[in-house]
Each structure stands twice: as structure tokens, then as C-alpha cells.
Amino acid sequence: MANRGYDVVVDVDAEGDLGHTDLQEDLEFHSSSKSLSTFPLPSTFNHLPDFTDPTNPRSKIPPDTSSNPFSTAPSAPSKRFLWTLSFYAQFFDVDTSEVLRRCTSALYPRSPFLDVLDGNPDLYGPFWIATTVVFILFLTGTISRYLNDNDKPHFAYDFRLLSGAGGLIYGYTGFIPVALWGLLRWFGAGDSASLIECWSLYGYANVIWIPVALISWSPIAVLNWVFVGVGFAMSVGFLVRNLWPVVNATDAKTSRLLVIGVVALHAGLALVIKILFFAHGSPALKTKPDGGDDKGDKAEKMIRALLGL
């Protein structure tokens, strides 16, 4: 009968003897629709939330969709496609404090930089670091040219220095990591580092060129060589220290060749920066003494041709 909405109430005699109770006469049936408020509840129940209140957010219990095959709730992160903005936004998902922390880790490395990235490499920092280096190289190259031509009555800015700096820094930071990542995949070590991690590593390695460029515009060639040498040593040490565990996933001979290639290419970058932007009387500066011959050698002419200077 309980399935029909009734409760069973047993009337027990005063002596508490169920054996002498006539169930046929003493059973009473009451409708279960009666309010339960007629029965007193303990005081502890007064502190329970009212789940019948529609304004109470706890009154709405979310449905269990774990076993529902037709649920529309996403069970995995949504896919990002190459032609969508969300695909590229994930590589710029850092704030200013995180970028500064990574720049500090690049200048004063205390732990592997891939651990500093913590699985979240970015392109925001590398892009703005490269852009800053480009404009500072243009500034220092212009100052060096002004010091070289200070005896001339008029001075004209050469914006080809800006395009040359952009081609050099953006090209090196953009294409060398791609080549390195391609070689790692070719030799079966593509899982040791992603392309974004290689870009991020090379991008933050350029941060040392910002202070070097700011102090390397003097006409004293020896000081310029010292500053560039220090910048090269710090940046190439940062690269080798963090790339060695990556390239070490290949065989011993291949890993050594890859490290030698990284060092040689970075030395070439430092040499080009020194010759074209930090040298007093640089071949990038077109002005020549009256009646003088072109004293630039073939290597300098090749660099000027490659950078459009």
C-alpha cells in the first residue's frame, strides 16, 4: 500500500506488547500528502539551505552528464585551426611580468630555460625583443655614422640601416630555429623540442643585444669589440646550455655537429652586427673620403649586398 501514497501507522498498546495487538483493528492509513511540518524537526535542520527557493544558487543541482552520450558539454579542449585567431592567440598568452621574468632568466640563467617556460612558450616576448634590437641597431648605426661624418655640414639619415637591421634580426630569429627544428625531426629527435620552443629560445637569447647595442656606438673600436664579444659569449652560452639536452637526443656525432653549427651561425650574427652597426667607419656607412677608393673588401661588400645597404 505504500506505493499508493499511504503510510503505515501501528497503534501500540500502553504495555508495549506487539504480540497482543490486533493488526486488523488497530492499523490506520494516513495519506502521505500531509505536510511534514506537523512533525517537529531537530533544531540542527533549521540551518539547512532552502532548496525550494529559486533565488538560491544551491537549489539548482547540475545534471550528471558523465554517462550521457548525448550531452553537449565539452569533454575536451576545443580544437584550434591554423586559420583562426585563437590558434595564434595561444602563443601570446603571457603578461608583462612573465616576459620580464623570462628576460631575466635569459640574462642570468639559473635553471634550464625550457623549465622556465613551463610548457608555455610564447612569441610575444621574442617579437618585441627582436623589434627593440632592430630599432636600437638603427639608432646606434646612425650615431656611429654621425660621428664618422661630423665634419660634414649636413647629415642625412640612412633608413637603409633600419631595413638592414630588420632583415638581419628578424631573418636570423625566424629562420634559424625553423632549420634547427627541421634537422631535429630529420634525425629523429623532433619530440625533444617544439618549433615554438625553438623560436622562444632564440628570441629570448637576443635580449643581451639590447644593452650591448646601447653602449657600442663609441668611436673606440677596441671597446666595441669587447662589448660585442661579451654579448656573443653570453648569448651563445645561453643557447648551447639550453639546446644541448635537446640535440643530445640524437647520436653523439650529430649532436656535436648541431652545436658547432649553432655556435658558428651565432658568431656570424655577432660579426655582422659589429661590422655593420658598431664599427666606427663601418662599411654600412656609405660616405667615403674625397678622392679615396673603396676600401671595403669582398666580405664586407657581400654583407652589404645581402642586407641591401
Protein backbone atom coordinates (compact mmCIF):
# COMPACT_ATOMS: atom_id res chain seq x y z
CA MET A 1 0.00 0.00 0.00
CA ALA A 2 2.94 2.31 0.46
CA ASN A 3 3.22 2.51 -3.31
CA ARG A 4 -0.24 4.09 -3.42
CA GLY A 5 0.73 7.10 -1.33
CA TYR A 6 -0.05 5.77 2.18
CA ASP A 7 1.98 5.38 5.34
CA VAL A 8 1.51 2.55 7.78
CA VAL A 9 0.86 3.59 11.39
CA VAL A 10 0.88 0.89 14.06
CA ASP A 11 -1.02 1.63 17.25
CA VAL A 12 0.88 0.01 20.12
CA ASP A 13 -0.87 -0.55 23.44
CA ALA A 14 0.28 1.06 26.65
CA GLU A 15 2.17 -2.04 27.75
CA GLY A 16 4.25 -2.09 24.54
CA ASP A 17 3.29 -5.66 23.75
CA LEU A 18 3.03 -6.12 19.99
CA GLY A 19 2.08 -9.74 20.49
CA HIS A 20 -1.38 -8.79 21.77
CA THR A 21 -2.01 -6.13 19.12
CA ASP A 22 -4.81 -6.79 16.76
CA LEU A 23 -3.39 -5.53 13.47
CA GLN A 24 -6.68 -5.88 11.72
CA GLU A 25 -8.37 -3.46 14.12
CA ASP A 26 -5.53 -1.12 15.10
CA LEU A 27 -4.00 -0.37 11.67
CA GLU A 28 -4.72 3.12 10.42
CA PHE A 29 -3.81 4.51 6.99
CA HIS A 30 -2.98 8.18 6.53
CA SER A 31 -2.31 9.97 3.26
CA SER A 32 1.37 10.78 2.73
CA SER A 33 0.40 14.09 1.08
CA LYS A 34 0.07 15.64 4.53
CA SER A 35 2.69 18.23 5.25
CA LEU A 36 5.71 17.04 7.15
CA SER A 37 5.71 20.32 9.02
CA THR A 38 3.28 18.78 11.54
CA PHE A 39 6.17 16.74 12.87
CA PRO A 40 8.79 18.66 14.86
CA LEU A 41 12.35 18.54 13.47
CA PRO A 42 15.57 18.90 15.44
CA SER A 43 17.00 22.41 15.69
CA THR A 44 20.00 21.46 13.54
CA PHE A 45 17.77 21.18 10.50
CA ASN A 46 16.87 24.87 10.75
CA HIS A 47 20.33 25.81 9.39
CA LEU A 48 19.97 23.84 6.17
CA PRO A 49 19.56 25.93 2.99
CA ASP A 50 16.18 26.22 1.41
CA PHE A 51 16.49 24.23 -1.80
CA THR A 52 12.99 25.22 -2.86
CA ASP A 53 13.99 28.88 -3.15
CA PRO A 54 14.56 29.64 -6.87
CA THR A 55 16.93 32.51 -5.97
CA ASN A 56 19.23 30.18 -4.09
CA PRO A 57 22.05 29.08 -6.44
CA ARG A 58 22.46 25.87 -4.46
CA SER A 59 18.88 24.89 -5.19
CA LYS A 60 19.88 24.08 -8.77
CA ILE A 61 21.81 20.84 -8.91
CA PRO A 62 23.62 20.41 -12.23
CA PRO A 63 22.71 17.23 -14.05
CA ASP A 64 25.19 14.41 -14.23
CA THR A 65 26.29 14.31 -17.86
CA SER A 66 29.23 11.98 -17.38
CA SER A 67 27.22 8.98 -18.53
CA ASN A 68 25.04 10.79 -21.02
CA PRO A 69 26.31 10.13 -24.55
CA PHE A 70 24.12 12.89 -25.99
CA SER A 71 25.41 15.63 -23.70
CA THR A 72 26.62 18.80 -25.46
CA ALA A 73 29.01 19.73 -22.66
CA PRO A 74 32.59 19.69 -23.98
CA SER A 75 34.64 16.89 -22.51
CA ALA A 76 37.95 18.05 -24.09
CA PRO A 77 39.52 21.38 -25.14
CA SER A 78 38.20 22.70 -28.42
CA LYS A 79 40.41 22.33 -31.46
CA ARG A 80 42.25 25.35 -32.83
CA PHE A 81 42.71 25.61 -36.55
CA LEU A 82 45.53 27.35 -38.40
CA TRP A 83 43.24 29.93 -39.99
CA THR A 84 41.64 31.07 -36.72
CA LEU A 85 42.84 33.83 -34.39
CA SER A 86 42.55 31.54 -31.38
CA PHE A 87 45.31 29.35 -32.84
CA TYR A 88 47.80 32.26 -32.78
CA ALA A 89 46.47 33.81 -29.56
CA GLN A 90 47.73 30.83 -27.55
CA PHE A 91 51.33 31.81 -28.40
CA PHE A 92 50.85 35.32 -26.97
CA ASP A 93 49.16 34.25 -23.73
CA VAL A 94 51.65 35.89 -21.36
CA ASP A 95 51.66 39.08 -19.34
CA THR A 96 54.38 41.68 -18.89
CA SER A 97 55.64 40.30 -15.59
CA GLU A 98 56.11 36.84 -17.11
CA VAL A 99 58.02 38.28 -20.09
CA LEU A 100 60.30 40.24 -17.74
CA ARG A 101 60.89 37.11 -15.68
CA ARG A 102 61.91 35.20 -18.79
CA CYS A 103 64.18 38.03 -19.93
CA THR A 104 65.87 37.97 -16.52
CA SER A 105 66.28 34.21 -16.79
CA ALA A 106 67.93 34.68 -20.18
CA LEU A 107 70.40 37.27 -18.83
CA TYR A 108 71.07 35.46 -15.54
CA PRO A 109 70.30 31.79 -16.18
CA ARG A 110 69.88 29.76 -13.02
CA SER A 111 67.79 26.89 -14.38
CA PRO A 112 67.14 25.42 -17.84
CA PHE A 113 65.11 27.86 -19.88
CA LEU A 114 62.71 25.18 -21.05
CA ASP A 115 61.83 24.68 -17.39
CA VAL A 116 61.28 28.42 -17.07
CA LEU A 117 58.87 28.26 -20.00
CA ASP A 118 56.98 25.55 -18.07
CA GLY A 119 55.27 24.17 -21.18
CA ASN A 120 54.01 27.62 -22.23
CA PRO A 121 56.46 29.03 -24.82
CA ASP A 122 55.45 32.37 -26.26
CA LEU A 123 56.16 34.54 -29.27
CA TYR A 124 55.16 37.82 -27.65
CA GLY A 125 58.49 38.33 -25.89
CA PRO A 126 60.68 37.23 -28.83
CA PHE A 127 58.82 39.54 -31.23
CA TRP A 128 59.18 42.66 -29.11
CA ILE A 129 62.77 41.83 -28.15
CA ALA A 130 63.70 41.50 -31.83
CA THR A 131 61.85 44.73 -32.67
CA THR A 132 63.67 46.58 -29.88
CA VAL A 133 67.02 45.29 -31.09
CA VAL A 134 66.22 46.41 -34.64
CA PHE A 135 65.44 49.99 -33.62
CA ILE A 136 68.43 50.22 -31.27
CA LEU A 137 70.73 48.96 -34.02
CA PHE A 138 69.34 51.64 -36.31
CA LEU A 139 69.89 54.24 -33.60
CA THR A 140 73.46 53.19 -32.83
CA GLY A 141 74.29 52.84 -36.51
CA THR A 142 73.03 56.36 -37.10
CA ILE A 143 75.07 57.71 -34.17
CA SER A 144 78.16 55.91 -35.48
CA ARG A 145 77.63 57.44 -38.90
CA TYR A 146 77.14 60.88 -37.39
CA LEU A 147 80.42 60.56 -35.50
CA ASN A 148 82.11 59.46 -38.70
CA ASP A 149 80.69 62.41 -40.69
CA ASN A 150 80.80 65.10 -38.02
CA ASP A 151 82.97 67.27 -40.23
CA LYS A 152 80.27 67.48 -42.89
CA PRO A 153 77.91 70.49 -42.84
CA HIS A 154 74.79 68.38 -43.42
CA PHE A 155 73.81 65.00 -42.06
CA ALA A 156 71.18 62.76 -43.66
CA TYR A 157 69.59 59.75 -42.07
CA ASP A 158 70.05 56.48 -43.91
CA PHE A 159 66.93 54.39 -43.36
CA ARG A 160 68.53 51.50 -45.17
CA LEU A 161 70.17 50.80 -41.84
CA LEU A 162 66.70 50.18 -40.43
CA SER A 163 65.73 47.78 -43.19
CA GLY A 164 69.10 46.05 -42.91
CA ALA A 165 68.73 45.60 -39.15
CA GLY A 166 65.20 44.27 -39.61
CA GLY A 167 66.27 41.78 -42.26
CA LEU A 168 69.19 40.60 -40.15
CA ILE A 169 67.44 40.19 -36.77
CA TYR A 170 64.04 39.01 -37.99
CA GLY A 171 65.64 36.68 -40.52
CA TYR A 172 68.03 35.12 -38.02
CA THR A 173 65.42 34.78 -35.27
CA GLY A 174 62.77 33.49 -37.64
CA PHE A 175 64.57 31.05 -39.93
CA ILE A 176 67.42 29.57 -37.87
CA PRO A 177 65.05 27.96 -35.31
CA VAL A 178 62.98 26.51 -38.15
CA ALA A 179 66.11 24.98 -39.69
CA LEU A 180 67.20 23.60 -36.32
CA TRP A 181 63.77 22.11 -35.62
CA GLY A 182 63.71 20.56 -39.10
CA LEU A 183 67.11 18.95 -38.52
CA LEU A 184 65.97 17.59 -35.17
CA ARG A 185 62.97 15.97 -36.81
CA TRP A 186 65.15 14.64 -39.61
CA PHE A 187 67.43 12.90 -37.11
CA GLY A 188 64.51 11.53 -35.10
CA ALA A 189 64.63 13.98 -32.17
CA GLY A 190 61.64 16.11 -33.07
CA ASP A 191 59.90 15.36 -29.78
CA SER A 192 62.72 16.88 -27.71
CA ALA A 193 61.61 20.46 -28.51
CA SER A 194 58.74 22.01 -30.44
CA LEU A 195 59.08 24.71 -33.07
CA ILE A 196 57.55 27.30 -30.73
CA GLU A 197 60.09 26.40 -28.03
CA CYS A 198 62.94 26.86 -30.52
CA TRP A 199 61.56 30.24 -31.58
CA SER A 200 61.12 31.27 -27.97
CA LEU A 201 64.65 30.16 -27.06
CA TYR A 202 66.28 32.10 -29.89
CA GLY A 203 64.03 35.10 -29.33
CA TYR A 204 64.94 35.49 -25.66
CA ALA A 205 68.62 34.92 -26.48
CA ASN A 206 68.52 38.27 -28.35
CA VAL A 207 67.80 40.21 -25.17
CA ILE A 208 71.54 40.56 -24.48
CA TRP A 209 71.95 42.62 -27.66
CA ILE A 210 69.80 45.41 -26.20
CA PRO A 211 72.34 46.57 -23.56
CA VAL A 212 75.25 45.74 -25.87
CA ALA A 213 73.83 47.95 -28.64
CA LEU A 214 73.25 50.82 -26.23
CA ILE A 215 76.94 51.04 -25.29
CA SER A 216 78.66 50.00 -28.52
CA TRP A 217 78.32 53.18 -30.59
CA SER A 218 81.58 54.78 -29.45
CA PRO A 219 84.35 55.52 -31.97
CA ILE A 220 86.76 53.37 -29.91
CA ALA A 221 86.93 50.14 -31.89
CA VAL A 222 88.53 48.09 -29.10
CA LEU A 223 85.64 48.80 -26.73
CA ASN A 224 83.15 47.85 -29.41
CA TRP A 225 84.89 44.53 -29.96
CA VAL A 226 84.88 43.87 -26.21
CA PHE A 227 81.18 44.68 -25.83
CA VAL A 228 80.20 42.55 -28.82
CA GLY A 229 82.43 39.72 -27.58
CA VAL A 230 80.73 39.76 -24.18
CA GLY A 231 77.30 39.81 -25.83
CA PHE A 232 78.24 36.92 -28.08
CA ALA A 233 79.64 34.85 -25.18
CA MET A 234 76.54 35.35 -23.02
CA SER A 235 74.02 34.69 -25.78
CA VAL A 236 75.78 31.68 -27.31
CA GLY A 237 76.33 30.23 -23.83
CA PHE A 238 72.61 30.58 -23.18
CA LEU A 239 71.79 28.83 -26.46
CA VAL A 240 74.27 25.97 -26.04
CA ARG A 241 73.29 25.34 -22.42
CA ASN A 242 69.62 25.01 -23.28
CA LEU A 243 69.98 23.33 -26.68
CA TRP A 244 72.42 20.66 -25.57
CA PRO A 245 69.77 18.49 -23.84
CA VAL A 246 67.64 18.89 -26.97
CA VAL A 247 70.26 17.94 -29.56
CA ASN A 248 71.63 15.24 -27.25
CA ALA A 249 68.58 13.18 -28.18
CA THR A 250 70.40 12.40 -31.44
CA ASP A 251 73.61 10.39 -31.70
CA ALA A 252 76.87 11.82 -30.37
CA LYS A 253 78.32 12.87 -33.74
CA THR A 254 75.16 14.57 -34.90
CA SER A 255 74.70 16.43 -31.61
CA ARG A 256 78.25 17.81 -31.79
CA LEU A 257 77.76 18.95 -35.38
CA LEU A 258 74.49 20.66 -34.49
CA VAL A 259 76.08 22.52 -31.58
CA ILE A 260 79.01 23.58 -33.77
CA GLY A 261 76.54 24.86 -36.37
CA VAL A 262 74.61 26.83 -33.70
CA VAL A 263 77.83 28.44 -32.42
CA ALA A 264 79.11 29.24 -35.93
CA LEU A 265 75.85 30.86 -37.04
CA HIS A 266 75.65 32.91 -33.87
CA ALA A 267 79.25 34.02 -34.31
CA GLY A 268 78.33 35.12 -37.82
CA LEU A 269 75.45 37.17 -36.42
CA ALA A 270 77.71 38.89 -33.89
CA LEU A 271 80.32 39.63 -36.54
CA VAL A 272 77.78 41.13 -38.93
CA ILE A 273 76.34 43.31 -36.16
CA LYS A 274 79.83 44.50 -35.21
CA ILE A 275 80.90 45.34 -38.75
CA LEU A 276 77.70 46.98 -39.98
CA PHE A 277 76.46 48.84 -36.92
CA PHE A 278 79.03 49.09 -34.14
CA ALA A 279 82.18 49.93 -36.07
CA HIS A 280 83.41 53.49 -36.48
CA GLY A 281 83.76 53.93 -40.22
CA SER A 282 81.55 50.88 -40.88
CA PRO A 283 81.17 49.67 -44.46
CA ALA A 284 77.47 50.22 -43.94
CA LEU A 285 78.24 53.93 -43.87
CA LYS A 286 78.42 54.97 -47.47
CA THR A 287 80.40 58.19 -47.04
CA LYS A 288 84.00 57.97 -48.27
CA PRO A 289 86.83 60.49 -48.17
CA ASP A 290 87.12 62.72 -51.22
CA GLY A 291 89.26 61.12 -53.86
CA GLY A 292 89.50 57.93 -51.82
CA ASP A 293 88.99 54.44 -53.13
CA ASP A 294 86.54 51.88 -51.82
CA LYS A 295 88.46 50.13 -49.07
CA GLY A 296 85.77 47.53 -48.32
CA ASP A 297 86.87 44.01 -49.04
CA LYS A 298 84.77 41.33 -50.71
CA ALA A 299 83.29 40.01 -47.46
CA GLU A 300 82.06 43.46 -46.49
CA LYS A 301 80.56 44.02 -49.94
CA MET A 302 78.76 40.67 -49.70
CA ILE A 303 77.25 41.62 -46.35
CA ARG A 304 76.10 44.96 -47.74
CA ALA A 305 74.55 43.24 -50.74
CA LEU A 306 72.69 40.70 -48.60
CA LEU A 307 71.24 43.37 -46.32
CA GLY A 308 70.57 45.89 -49.05
CA LEU A 309 72.89 48.50 -47.59
